[in-house]
Amino acid sequence: GSPNLAWFAAAAVVALLVFRFTARRHAESPRRASAGVAVAVGAA
């Protein structure tokens, strides 16, 4: 079938949330990070 673009966008957002959650708990992750920059990079 034709690709479901809405699902792809939703899956990409969920994937970015998972990466953000796991990375922020790493011992060598930044103490502070710009949420605006992260959202902008993910959206781009």
ModelCIF file with pLDDT and N, C-alpha, C, O atoms, coordinates in Angstrom:
data_MODEL
#
_entry.id   MODEL 
#
_entity.id                         1 
_entity.type                       polymer 
_entity.pdbx_number_of_molecules   1 
#
_entity_poly.entity_id                      1 
_entity_poly.type                           'polypeptide(L)' 
_entity_poly.nstd_linkage                   no 
_entity_poly.nstd_monomer                   no 
_entity_poly.pdbx_seq_one_letter_code       GSPNLAWFAAAAVVALLVFRFTARRHAESPRRASAGVAVAVGAA 
_entity_poly.pdbx_seq_one_letter_code_can   GSPNLAWFAAAAVVALLVFRFTARRHAESPRRASAGVAVAVGAA 
_entity_poly.pdbx_strand_id                 A 
#
loop_
_entity_poly_seq.entity_id 
_entity_poly_seq.num 
_entity_poly_seq.mon_id 
_entity_poly_seq.hetero 
1 1  GLY n 
1 2  SER n 
1 3  PRO n 
1 4  ASN n 
1 5  LEU n 
1 6  ALA n 
1 7  TRP n 
1 8  PHE n 
1 9  ALA n 
1 10 ALA n 
1 11 ALA n 
1 12 ALA n 
1 13 VAL n 
1 14 VAL n 
1 15 ALA n 
1 16 LEU n 
1 17 LEU n 
1 18 VAL n 
1 19 PHE n 
1 20 ARG n 
1 21 PHE n 
1 22 THR n 
1 23 ALA n 
1 24 ARG n 
1 25 ARG n 
1 26 HIS n 
1 27 ALA n 
1 28 GLU n 
1 29 SER n 
1 30 PRO n 
1 31 ARG n 
1 32 ARG n 
1 33 ALA n 
1 34 SER n 
1 35 ALA n 
1 36 GLY n 
1 37 VAL n 
1 38 ALA n 
1 39 VAL n 
1 40 ALA n 
1 41 VAL n 
1 42 GLY n 
1 43 ALA n 
1 44 ALA n 
#
_struct_asym.id          A 
_struct_asym.entity_id   1 
#
loop_
_ma_qa_metric.id 
_ma_qa_metric.mode 
_ma_qa_metric.name 
_ma_qa_metric.software_group_id 
_ma_qa_metric.type 
1 global pLDDT . pLDDT 
2 local  pLDDT . pLDDT 
#
_ma_qa_metric_global.metric_id      1 
_ma_qa_metric_global.metric_value   69.00 
_ma_qa_metric_global.model_id       1 
_ma_qa_metric_global.ordinal_id     1 
#
loop_
_ma_qa_metric_local.label_asym_id 
_ma_qa_metric_local.label_comp_id 
_ma_qa_metric_local.label_seq_id 
_ma_qa_metric_local.metric_id 
_ma_qa_metric_local.metric_value 
_ma_qa_metric_local.model_id 
_ma_qa_metric_local.ordinal_id 
A GLY 1  2 58.00 1 1  
A SER 2  2 61.00 1 2  
A PRO 3  2 68.00 1 3  
A ASN 4  2 74.00 1 4  
A LEU 5  2 77.00 1 5  
A ALA 6  2 81.00 1 6  
A TRP 7  2 81.00 1 7  
A PHE 8  2 82.00 1 8  
A ALA 9  2 82.00 1 9  
A ALA 10 2 84.00 1 10 
A ALA 11 2 85.00 1 11 
A ALA 12 2 84.00 1 12 
A VAL 13 2 85.00 1 13 
A VAL 14 2 87.00 1 14 
A ALA 15 2 85.00 1 15 
A LEU 16 2 83.00 1 16 
A LEU 17 2 85.00 1 17 
A VAL 18 2 85.00 1 18 
A PHE 19 2 82.00 1 19 
A ARG 20 2 79.00 1 20 
A PHE 21 2 80.00 1 21 
A THR 22 2 77.00 1 22 
A ALA 23 2 73.00 1 23 
A ARG 24 2 68.00 1 24 
A ARG 25 2 60.00 1 25 
A HIS 26 2 57.00 1 26 
A ALA 27 2 52.00 1 27 
A GLU 28 2 54.00 1 28 
A SER 29 2 53.00 1 29 
A PRO 30 2 54.00 1 30 
A ARG 31 2 51.00 1 31 
A ARG 32 2 54.00 1 32 
A ALA 33 2 53.00 1 33 
A SER 34 2 51.00 1 34 
A ALA 35 2 55.00 1 35 
A GLY 36 2 57.00 1 36 
A VAL 37 2 56.00 1 37 
A ALA 38 2 58.00 1 38 
A VAL 39 2 63.00 1 39 
A ALA 40 2 64.00 1 40 
A VAL 41 2 63.00 1 41 
A GLY 42 2 62.00 1 42 
A ALA 43 2 67.00 1 43 
A ALA 44 2 66.00 1 44 
#
loop_
_atom_site.group_PDB 
_atom_site.id 
_atom_site.type_symbol 
_atom_site.label_atom_id 
_atom_site.label_alt_id 
_atom_site.label_comp_id 
_atom_site.label_asym_id 
_atom_site.label_entity_id 
_atom_site.label_seq_id 
_atom_site.pdbx_PDB_ins_code 
_atom_site.Cartn_x 
_atom_site.Cartn_y 
_atom_site.Cartn_z 
_atom_site.occupancy 
_atom_site.B_iso_or_equiv 
_atom_site.pdbx_formal_charge 
_atom_site.auth_seq_id 
_atom_site.auth_comp_id 
_atom_site.auth_asym_id 
_atom_site.auth_atom_id 
_atom_site.pdbx_PDB_model_num 
ATOM 1   N N  . GLY A 1 1  ? 0.813  -1.207 0.000  1.00 58.00 ? 1  GLY A N  1 
ATOM 2   C CA . GLY A 1 1  ? 0.000  0.000  0.000  1.00 58.00 ? 1  GLY A CA 1 
ATOM 3   C C  . GLY A 1 1  ? 0.847  1.256  0.000  1.00 58.00 ? 1  GLY A C  1 
ATOM 4   O O  . GLY A 1 1  ? 2.070  1.206  0.125  1.00 58.00 ? 1  GLY A O  1 
ATOM 5   N N  . SER A 1 2  ? 0.166  2.387  -0.143 1.00 61.00 ? 2  SER A N  1 
ATOM 6   C CA . SER A 1 2  ? 0.864  3.667  -0.122 1.00 61.00 ? 2  SER A CA 1 
ATOM 7   C C  . SER A 1 2  ? 1.379  3.941  1.290  1.00 61.00 ? 2  SER A C  1 
ATOM 8   O O  . SER A 1 2  ? 0.726  3.572  2.266  1.00 61.00 ? 2  SER A O  1 
ATOM 9   N N  . PRO A 1 3  ? 2.539  4.582  1.408  1.00 68.00 ? 3  PRO A N  1 
ATOM 10  C CA . PRO A 1 3  ? 3.073  4.869  2.739  1.00 68.00 ? 3  PRO A CA 1 
ATOM 11  C C  . PRO A 1 3  ? 2.175  5.809  3.518  1.00 68.00 ? 3  PRO A C  1 
ATOM 12  O O  . PRO A 1 3  ? 1.638  6.769  2.966  1.00 68.00 ? 3  PRO A O  1 
ATOM 13  N N  . ASN A 1 4  ? 2.015  5.530  4.797  1.00 74.00 ? 4  ASN A N  1 
ATOM 14  C CA . ASN A 1 4  ? 1.196  6.350  5.685  1.00 74.00 ? 4  ASN A CA 1 
ATOM 15  C C  . ASN A 1 4  ? 2.079  7.455  6.257  1.00 74.00 ? 4  ASN A C  1 
ATOM 16  O O  . ASN A 1 4  ? 2.791  7.241  7.238  1.00 74.00 ? 4  ASN A O  1 
ATOM 17  N N  . LEU A 1 5  ? 2.032  8.631  5.646  1.00 77.00 ? 5  LEU A N  1 
ATOM 18  C CA . LEU A 1 5  ? 2.920  9.716  6.053  1.00 77.00 ? 5  LEU A CA 1 
ATOM 19  C C  . LEU A 1 5  ? 2.610  10.192 7.464  1.00 77.00 ? 5  LEU A C  1 
ATOM 20  O O  . LEU A 1 5  ? 3.521  10.548 8.212  1.00 77.00 ? 5  LEU A O  1 
ATOM 21  N N  . ALA A 1 6  ? 1.337  10.202 7.835  1.00 81.00 ? 6  ALA A N  1 
ATOM 22  C CA . ALA A 1 6  ? 0.983  10.631 9.190  1.00 81.00 ? 6  ALA A CA 1 
ATOM 23  C C  . ALA A 1 6  ? 1.578  9.682  10.221 1.00 81.00 ? 6  ALA A C  1 
ATOM 24  O O  . ALA A 1 6  ? 2.097  10.119 11.248 1.00 81.00 ? 6  ALA A O  1 
ATOM 25  N N  . TRP A 1 7  ? 1.503  8.367  9.944  1.00 81.00 ? 7  TRP A N  1 
ATOM 26  C CA . TRP A 1 7  ? 2.101  7.417  10.878 1.00 81.00 ? 7  TRP A CA 1 
ATOM 27  C C  . TRP A 1 7  ? 3.611  7.577  10.934 1.00 81.00 ? 7  TRP A C  1 
ATOM 28  O O  . TRP A 1 7  ? 4.205  7.491  12.008 1.00 81.00 ? 7  TRP A O  1 
ATOM 29  N N  . PHE A 1 8  ? 4.234  7.806  9.792  1.00 82.00 ? 8  PHE A N  1 
ATOM 30  C CA . PHE A 1 8  ? 5.683  7.976  9.784  1.00 82.00 ? 8  PHE A CA 1 
ATOM 31  C C  . PHE A 1 8  ? 6.094  9.167  10.645 1.00 82.00 ? 8  PHE A C  1 
ATOM 32  O O  . PHE A 1 8  ? 7.048  9.080  11.418 1.00 82.00 ? 8  PHE A O  1 
ATOM 33  N N  . ALA A 1 9  ? 5.374  10.277 10.510 1.00 82.00 ? 9  ALA A N  1 
ATOM 34  C CA . ALA A 1 9  ? 5.696  11.450 11.317 1.00 82.00 ? 9  ALA A CA 1 
ATOM 35  C C  . ALA A 1 9  ? 5.510  11.151 12.803 1.00 82.00 ? 9  ALA A C  1 
ATOM 36  O O  . ALA A 1 9  ? 6.344  11.538 13.622 1.00 82.00 ? 9  ALA A O  1 
ATOM 37  N N  . ALA A 1 10 ? 4.416  10.461 13.155 1.00 84.00 ? 10 ALA A N  1 
ATOM 38  C CA . ALA A 1 10 ? 4.186  10.113 14.560 1.00 84.00 ? 10 ALA A CA 1 
ATOM 39  C C  . ALA A 1 10 ? 5.265  9.178  15.081 1.00 84.00 ? 10 ALA A C  1 
ATOM 40  O O  . ALA A 1 10 ? 5.751  9.349  16.199 1.00 84.00 ? 10 ALA A O  1 
ATOM 41  N N  . ALA A 1 11 ? 5.647  8.176  14.267 1.00 85.00 ? 11 ALA A N  1 
ATOM 42  C CA . ALA A 1 11 ? 6.697  7.245  14.691 1.00 85.00 ? 11 ALA A CA 1 
ATOM 43  C C  . ALA A 1 11 ? 8.027  7.966  14.863 1.00 85.00 ? 11 ALA A C  1 
ATOM 44  O O  . ALA A 1 11 ? 8.788  7.652  15.777 1.00 85.00 ? 11 ALA A O  1 
ATOM 45  N N  . ALA A 1 12 ? 8.315  8.939  13.983 1.00 84.00 ? 12 ALA A N  1 
ATOM 46  C CA . ALA A 1 12 ? 9.562  9.692  14.114 1.00 84.00 ? 12 ALA A CA 1 
ATOM 47  C C  . ALA A 1 12 ? 9.579  10.502 15.404 1.00 84.00 ? 12 ALA A C  1 
ATOM 48  O O  . ALA A 1 12 ? 10.603 10.568 16.085 1.00 84.00 ? 12 ALA A O  1 
ATOM 49  N N  . VAL A 1 13 ? 8.446  11.120 15.741 1.00 85.00 ? 13 VAL A N  1 
ATOM 50  C CA . VAL A 1 13 ? 8.371  11.884 16.990 1.00 85.00 ? 13 VAL A CA 1 
ATOM 51  C C  . VAL A 1 13 ? 8.570  10.970 18.193 1.00 85.00 ? 13 VAL A C  1 
ATOM 52  O O  . VAL A 1 13 ? 9.306  11.313 19.118 1.00 85.00 ? 13 VAL A O  1 
ATOM 53  N N  . VAL A 1 14 ? 7.920  9.809  18.187 1.00 87.00 ? 14 VAL A N  1 
ATOM 54  C CA . VAL A 1 14 ? 8.083  8.857  19.290 1.00 87.00 ? 14 VAL A CA 1 
ATOM 55  C C  . VAL A 1 14 ? 9.541  8.411  19.394 1.00 87.00 ? 14 VAL A C  1 
ATOM 56  O O  . VAL A 1 14 ? 10.078 8.312  20.497 1.00 87.00 ? 14 VAL A O  1 
ATOM 57  N N  . ALA A 1 15 ? 10.187 8.140  18.256 1.00 85.00 ? 15 ALA A N  1 
ATOM 58  C CA . ALA A 1 15 ? 11.589 7.731  18.271 1.00 85.00 ? 15 ALA A CA 1 
ATOM 59  C C  . ALA A 1 15 ? 12.470 8.814  18.875 1.00 85.00 ? 15 ALA A C  1 
ATOM 60  O O  . ALA A 1 15 ? 13.375 8.514  19.653 1.00 85.00 ? 15 ALA A O  1 
ATOM 61  N N  . LEU A 1 16 ? 12.213 10.077 18.521 1.00 83.00 ? 16 LEU A N  1 
ATOM 62  C CA . LEU A 1 16 ? 13.000 11.172 19.092 1.00 83.00 ? 16 LEU A CA 1 
ATOM 63  C C  . LEU A 1 16 ? 12.782 11.278 20.600 1.00 83.00 ? 16 LEU A C  1 
ATOM 64  O O  . LEU A 1 16 ? 13.723 11.549 21.346 1.00 83.00 ? 16 LEU A O  1 
ATOM 65  N N  . LEU A 1 17 ? 11.554 11.066 21.048 1.00 85.00 ? 17 LEU A N  1 
ATOM 66  C CA . LEU A 1 17 ? 11.295 11.083 22.491 1.00 85.00 ? 17 LEU A CA 1 
ATOM 67  C C  . LEU A 1 17 ? 12.048 9.962  23.198 1.00 85.00 ? 17 LEU A C  1 
ATOM 68  O O  . LEU A 1 17 ? 12.590 10.163 24.285 1.00 85.00 ? 17 LEU A O  1 
ATOM 69  N N  . VAL A 1 18 ? 12.081 8.790  22.587 1.00 85.00 ? 18 VAL A N  1 
ATOM 70  C CA . VAL A 1 18 ? 12.813 7.665  23.188 1.00 85.00 ? 18 VAL A CA 1 
ATOM 71  C C  . VAL A 1 18 ? 14.309 7.983  23.271 1.00 85.00 ? 18 VAL A C  1 
ATOM 72  O O  . VAL A 1 18 ? 14.946 7.735  24.294 1.00 85.00 ? 18 VAL A O  1 
ATOM 73  N N  . PHE A 1 19 ? 14.858 8.528  22.195 1.00 82.00 ? 19 PHE A N  1 
ATOM 74  C CA . PHE A 1 19 ? 16.277 8.875  22.208 1.00 82.00 ? 19 PHE A CA 1 
ATOM 75  C C  . PHE A 1 19 ? 16.567 9.942  23.264 1.00 82.00 ? 19 PHE A C  1 
ATOM 76  O O  . PHE A 1 19 ? 17.572 9.864  23.970 1.00 82.00 ? 19 PHE A O  1 
ATOM 77  N N  . ARG A 1 20 ? 15.703 10.916 23.368 1.00 79.00 ? 20 ARG A N  1 
ATOM 78  C CA . ARG A 1 20 ? 15.920 11.970 24.368 1.00 79.00 ? 20 ARG A CA 1 
ATOM 79  C C  . ARG A 1 20 ? 15.853 11.400 25.782 1.00 79.00 ? 20 ARG A C  1 
ATOM 80  O O  . ARG A 1 20 ? 16.671 11.746 26.634 1.00 79.00 ? 20 ARG A O  1 
ATOM 81  N N  . PHE A 1 21 ? 14.881 10.528 26.031 1.00 80.00 ? 21 PHE A N  1 
ATOM 82  C CA . PHE A 1 21 ? 14.748 9.947  27.365 1.00 80.00 ? 21 PHE A CA 1 
ATOM 83  C C  . PHE A 1 21 ? 15.978 9.126  27.739 1.00 80.00 ? 21 PHE A C  1 
ATOM 84  O O  . PHE A 1 21 ? 16.505 9.261  28.843 1.00 80.00 ? 21 PHE A O  1 
ATOM 85  N N  . THR A 1 22 ? 16.434 8.281  26.829 1.00 77.00 ? 22 THR A N  1 
ATOM 86  C CA . THR A 1 22 ? 17.569 7.413  27.144 1.00 77.00 ? 22 THR A CA 1 
ATOM 87  C C  . THR A 1 22 ? 18.875 8.195  27.232 1.00 77.00 ? 22 THR A C  1 
ATOM 88  O O  . THR A 1 22 ? 19.719 7.891  28.075 1.00 77.00 ? 22 THR A O  1 
ATOM 89  N N  . ALA A 1 23 ? 19.055 9.205  26.368 1.00 73.00 ? 23 ALA A N  1 
ATOM 90  C CA . ALA A 1 23 ? 20.314 9.953  26.372 1.00 73.00 ? 23 ALA A CA 1 
ATOM 91  C C  . ALA A 1 23 ? 20.453 10.817 27.613 1.00 73.00 ? 23 ALA A C  1 
ATOM 92  O O  . ALA A 1 23 ? 21.557 10.961 28.139 1.00 73.00 ? 23 ALA A O  1 
ATOM 93  N N  . ARG A 1 24 ? 19.374 11.388 28.087 1.00 68.00 ? 24 ARG A N  1 
ATOM 94  C CA . ARG A 1 24 ? 19.454 12.301 29.235 1.00 68.00 ? 24 ARG A CA 1 
ATOM 95  C C  . ARG A 1 24 ? 19.834 11.583 30.516 1.00 68.00 ? 24 ARG A C  1 
ATOM 96  O O  . ARG A 1 24 ? 20.224 12.230 31.488 1.00 68.00 ? 24 ARG A O  1 
ATOM 97  N N  . ARG A 1 25 ? 19.731 10.265 30.541 1.00 60.00 ? 25 ARG A N  1 
ATOM 98  C CA . ARG A 1 25 ? 20.073 9.528  31.751 1.00 60.00 ? 25 ARG A CA 1 
ATOM 99  C C  . ARG A 1 25 ? 21.446 8.873  31.684 1.00 60.00 ? 25 ARG A C  1 
ATOM 100 O O  . ARG A 1 25 ? 21.829 8.120  32.579 1.00 60.00 ? 25 ARG A O  1 
ATOM 101 N N  . HIS A 1 26 ? 22.175 9.163  30.626 1.00 57.00 ? 26 HIS A N  1 
ATOM 102 C CA . HIS A 1 26 ? 23.527 8.634  30.508 1.00 57.00 ? 26 HIS A CA 1 
ATOM 103 C C  . HIS A 1 26 ? 24.467 9.449  31.380 1.00 57.00 ? 26 HIS A C  1 
ATOM 104 O O  . HIS A 1 26 ? 24.271 10.647 31.584 1.00 57.00 ? 26 HIS A O  1 
ATOM 105 N N  . ALA A 1 27 ? 25.508 8.768  31.897 1.00 52.00 ? 27 ALA A N  1 
ATOM 106 C CA . ALA A 1 27 ? 26.438 9.433  32.805 1.00 52.00 ? 27 ALA A CA 1 
ATOM 107 C C  . ALA A 1 27 ? 27.153 10.593 32.141 1.00 52.00 ? 27 ALA A C  1 
ATOM 108 O O  . ALA A 1 27 ? 27.530 11.538 32.834 1.00 52.00 ? 27 ALA A O  1 
ATOM 109 N N  . GLU A 1 28 ? 27.356 10.569 30.853 1.00 54.00 ? 28 GLU A N  1 
ATOM 110 C CA . GLU A 1 28 ? 28.110 11.610 30.173 1.00 54.00 ? 28 GLU A CA 1 
ATOM 111 C C  . GLU A 1 28 ? 27.220 12.495 29.307 1.00 54.00 ? 28 GLU A C  1 
ATOM 112 O O  . GLU A 1 28 ? 27.696 13.158 28.386 1.00 54.00 ? 28 GLU A O  1 
ATOM 113 N N  . SER A 1 29 ? 25.914 12.499 29.614 1.00 53.00 ? 29 SER A N  1 
ATOM 114 C CA . SER A 1 29 ? 25.007 13.379 28.880 1.00 53.00 ? 29 SER A CA 1 
ATOM 115 C C  . SER A 1 29 ? 25.079 14.788 29.456 1.00 53.00 ? 29 SER A C  1 
ATOM 116 O O  . SER A 1 29 ? 25.457 14.943 30.617 1.00 53.00 ? 29 SER A O  1 
ATOM 117 N N  . PRO A 1 30 ? 24.735 15.811 28.699 1.00 54.00 ? 30 PRO A N  1 
ATOM 118 C CA . PRO A 1 30 ? 24.787 17.194 29.191 1.00 54.00 ? 30 PRO A CA 1 
ATOM 119 C C  . PRO A 1 30 ? 23.836 17.409 30.359 1.00 54.00 ? 30 PRO A C  1 
ATOM 120 O O  . PRO A 1 30 ? 22.743 16.846 30.416 1.00 54.00 ? 30 PRO A O  1 
ATOM 121 N N  . ARG A 1 31 ? 24.298 18.258 31.304 1.00 51.00 ? 31 ARG A N  1 
ATOM 122 C CA . ARG A 1 31 ? 23.412 18.587 32.410 1.00 51.00 ? 31 ARG A CA 1 
ATOM 123 C C  . ARG A 1 31 ? 22.222 19.425 31.943 1.00 51.00 ? 31 ARG A C  1 
ATOM 124 O O  . ARG A 1 31 ? 21.092 19.246 32.397 1.00 51.00 ? 31 ARG A O  1 
ATOM 125 N N  . ARG A 1 32 ? 22.510 20.331 31.035 1.00 54.00 ? 32 ARG A N  1 
ATOM 126 C CA . ARG A 1 32 ? 21.453 21.193 30.522 1.00 54.00 ? 32 ARG A CA 1 
ATOM 127 C C  . ARG A 1 32 ? 21.477 21.133 29.002 1.00 54.00 ? 32 ARG A C  1 
ATOM 128 O O  . ARG A 1 32 ? 22.544 21.091 28.390 1.00 54.00 ? 32 ARG A O  1 
ATOM 129 N N  . ALA A 1 33 ? 20.322 21.130 28.411 1.00 53.00 ? 33 ALA A N  1 
ATOM 130 C CA . ALA A 1 33 ? 20.211 21.134 26.961 1.00 53.00 ? 33 ALA A CA 1 
ATOM 131 C C  . ALA A 1 33 ? 19.021 21.987 26.571 1.00 53.00 ? 33 ALA A C  1 
ATOM 132 O O  . ALA A 1 33 ? 18.033 22.075 27.301 1.00 53.00 ? 33 ALA A O  1 
ATOM 133 N N  . SER A 1 34 ? 19.126 22.604 25.431 1.00 51.00 ? 34 SER A N  1 
ATOM 134 C CA . SER A 1 34 ? 18.073 23.487 24.957 1.00 51.00 ? 34 SER A CA 1 
ATOM 135 C C  . SER A 1 34 ? 16.950 22.660 24.334 1.00 51.00 ? 34 SER A C  1 
ATOM 136 O O  . SER A 1 34 ? 17.137 21.985 23.322 1.00 51.00 ? 34 SER A O  1 
ATOM 137 N N  . ALA A 1 35 ? 15.791 22.731 24.960 1.00 55.00 ? 35 ALA A N  1 
ATOM 138 C CA . ALA A 1 35 ? 14.649 22.002 24.405 1.00 55.00 ? 35 ALA A CA 1 
ATOM 139 C C  . ALA A 1 35 ? 14.264 22.557 23.039 1.00 55.00 ? 35 ALA A C  1 
ATOM 140 O O  . ALA A 1 35 ? 13.863 21.812 22.145 1.00 55.00 ? 35 ALA A O  1 
ATOM 141 N N  . GLY A 1 36 ? 14.391 23.870 22.887 1.00 57.00 ? 36 GLY A N  1 
ATOM 142 C CA . GLY A 1 36 ? 14.066 24.476 21.600 1.00 57.00 ? 36 GLY A CA 1 
ATOM 143 C C  . GLY A 1 36 ? 14.954 23.984 20.480 1.00 57.00 ? 36 GLY A C  1 
ATOM 144 O O  . GLY A 1 36 ? 14.490 23.711 19.373 1.00 57.00 ? 36 GLY A O  1 
ATOM 145 N N  . VAL A 1 37 ? 16.257 23.873 20.783 1.00 56.00 ? 37 VAL A N  1 
ATOM 146 C CA . VAL A 1 37 ? 17.189 23.375 19.772 1.00 56.00 ? 37 VAL A CA 1 
ATOM 147 C C  . VAL A 1 37 ? 16.882 21.924 19.431 1.00 56.00 ? 37 VAL A C  1 
ATOM 148 O O  . VAL A 1 37 ? 16.900 21.541 18.261 1.00 56.00 ? 37 VAL A O  1 
ATOM 149 N N  . ALA A 1 38 ? 16.596 21.106 20.462 1.00 58.00 ? 38 ALA A N  1 
ATOM 150 C CA . ALA A 1 38 ? 16.295 19.694 20.219 1.00 58.00 ? 38 ALA A CA 1 
ATOM 151 C C  . ALA A 1 38 ? 15.043 19.541 19.355 1.00 58.00 ? 38 ALA A C  1 
ATOM 152 O O  . ALA A 1 38 ? 15.017 18.736 18.425 1.00 58.00 ? 38 ALA A O  1 
ATOM 153 N N  . VAL A 1 39 ? 14.012 20.317 19.669 1.00 63.00 ? 39 VAL A N  1 
ATOM 154 C CA . VAL A 1 39 ? 12.780 20.238 18.876 1.00 63.00 ? 39 VAL A CA 1 
ATOM 155 C C  . VAL A 1 39 ? 13.033 20.700 17.446 1.00 63.00 ? 39 VAL A C  1 
ATOM 156 O O  . VAL A 1 39 ? 12.535 20.102 16.492 1.00 63.00 ? 39 VAL A O  1 
ATOM 157 N N  . ALA A 1 40 ? 13.815 21.773 17.306 1.00 64.00 ? 40 ALA A N  1 
ATOM 158 C CA . ALA A 1 40 ? 14.089 22.293 15.961 1.00 64.00 ? 40 ALA A CA 1 
ATOM 159 C C  . ALA A 1 40 ? 14.865 21.285 15.129 1.00 64.00 ? 40 ALA A C  1 
ATOM 160 O O  . ALA A 1 40 ? 14.562 21.078 13.954 1.00 64.00 ? 40 ALA A O  1 
ATOM 161 N N  . VAL A 1 41 ? 15.882 20.651 15.746 1.00 63.00 ? 41 VAL A N  1 
ATOM 162 C CA . VAL A 1 41 ? 16.673 19.656 15.017 1.00 63.00 ? 41 VAL A CA 1 
ATOM 163 C C  . VAL A 1 41 ? 15.815 18.454 14.634 1.00 63.00 ? 41 VAL A C  1 
ATOM 164 O O  . VAL A 1 41 ? 15.891 17.970 13.505 1.00 63.00 ? 41 VAL A O  1 
ATOM 165 N N  . GLY A 1 42 ? 14.999 17.972 15.572 1.00 62.00 ? 42 GLY A N  1 
ATOM 166 C CA . GLY A 1 42 ? 14.132 16.836 15.266 1.00 62.00 ? 42 GLY A CA 1 
ATOM 167 C C  . GLY A 1 42 ? 13.131 17.156 14.174 1.00 62.00 ? 42 GLY A C  1 
ATOM 168 O O  . GLY A 1 42 ? 12.917 16.349 13.268 1.00 62.00 ? 42 GLY A O  1 
ATOM 169 N N  . ALA A 1 43 ? 12.513 18.334 14.253 1.00 67.00 ? 43 ALA A N  1 
ATOM 170 C CA . ALA A 1 43 ? 11.553 18.723 13.218 1.00 67.00 ? 43 ALA A CA 1 
ATOM 171 C C  . ALA A 1 43 ? 12.232 18.862 11.863 1.00 67.00 ? 43 ALA A C  1 
ATOM 172 O O  . ALA A 1 43 ? 11.667 18.485 10.837 1.00 67.00 ? 43 ALA A O  1 
ATOM 173 N N  . ALA A 1 44 ? 13.450 19.408 11.864 1.00 66.00 ? 44 ALA A N  1 
ATOM 174 C CA . ALA A 1 44 ? 14.179 19.548 10.601 1.00 66.00 ? 44 ALA A CA 1 
ATOM 175 C C  . ALA A 1 44 ? 14.511 18.188 10.004 1.00 66.00 ? 44 ALA A C  1 
ATOM 176 O O  . ALA A 1 44 ? 15.124 18.115 8.939  1.00 66.00 ? 44 ALA A O  1 
#
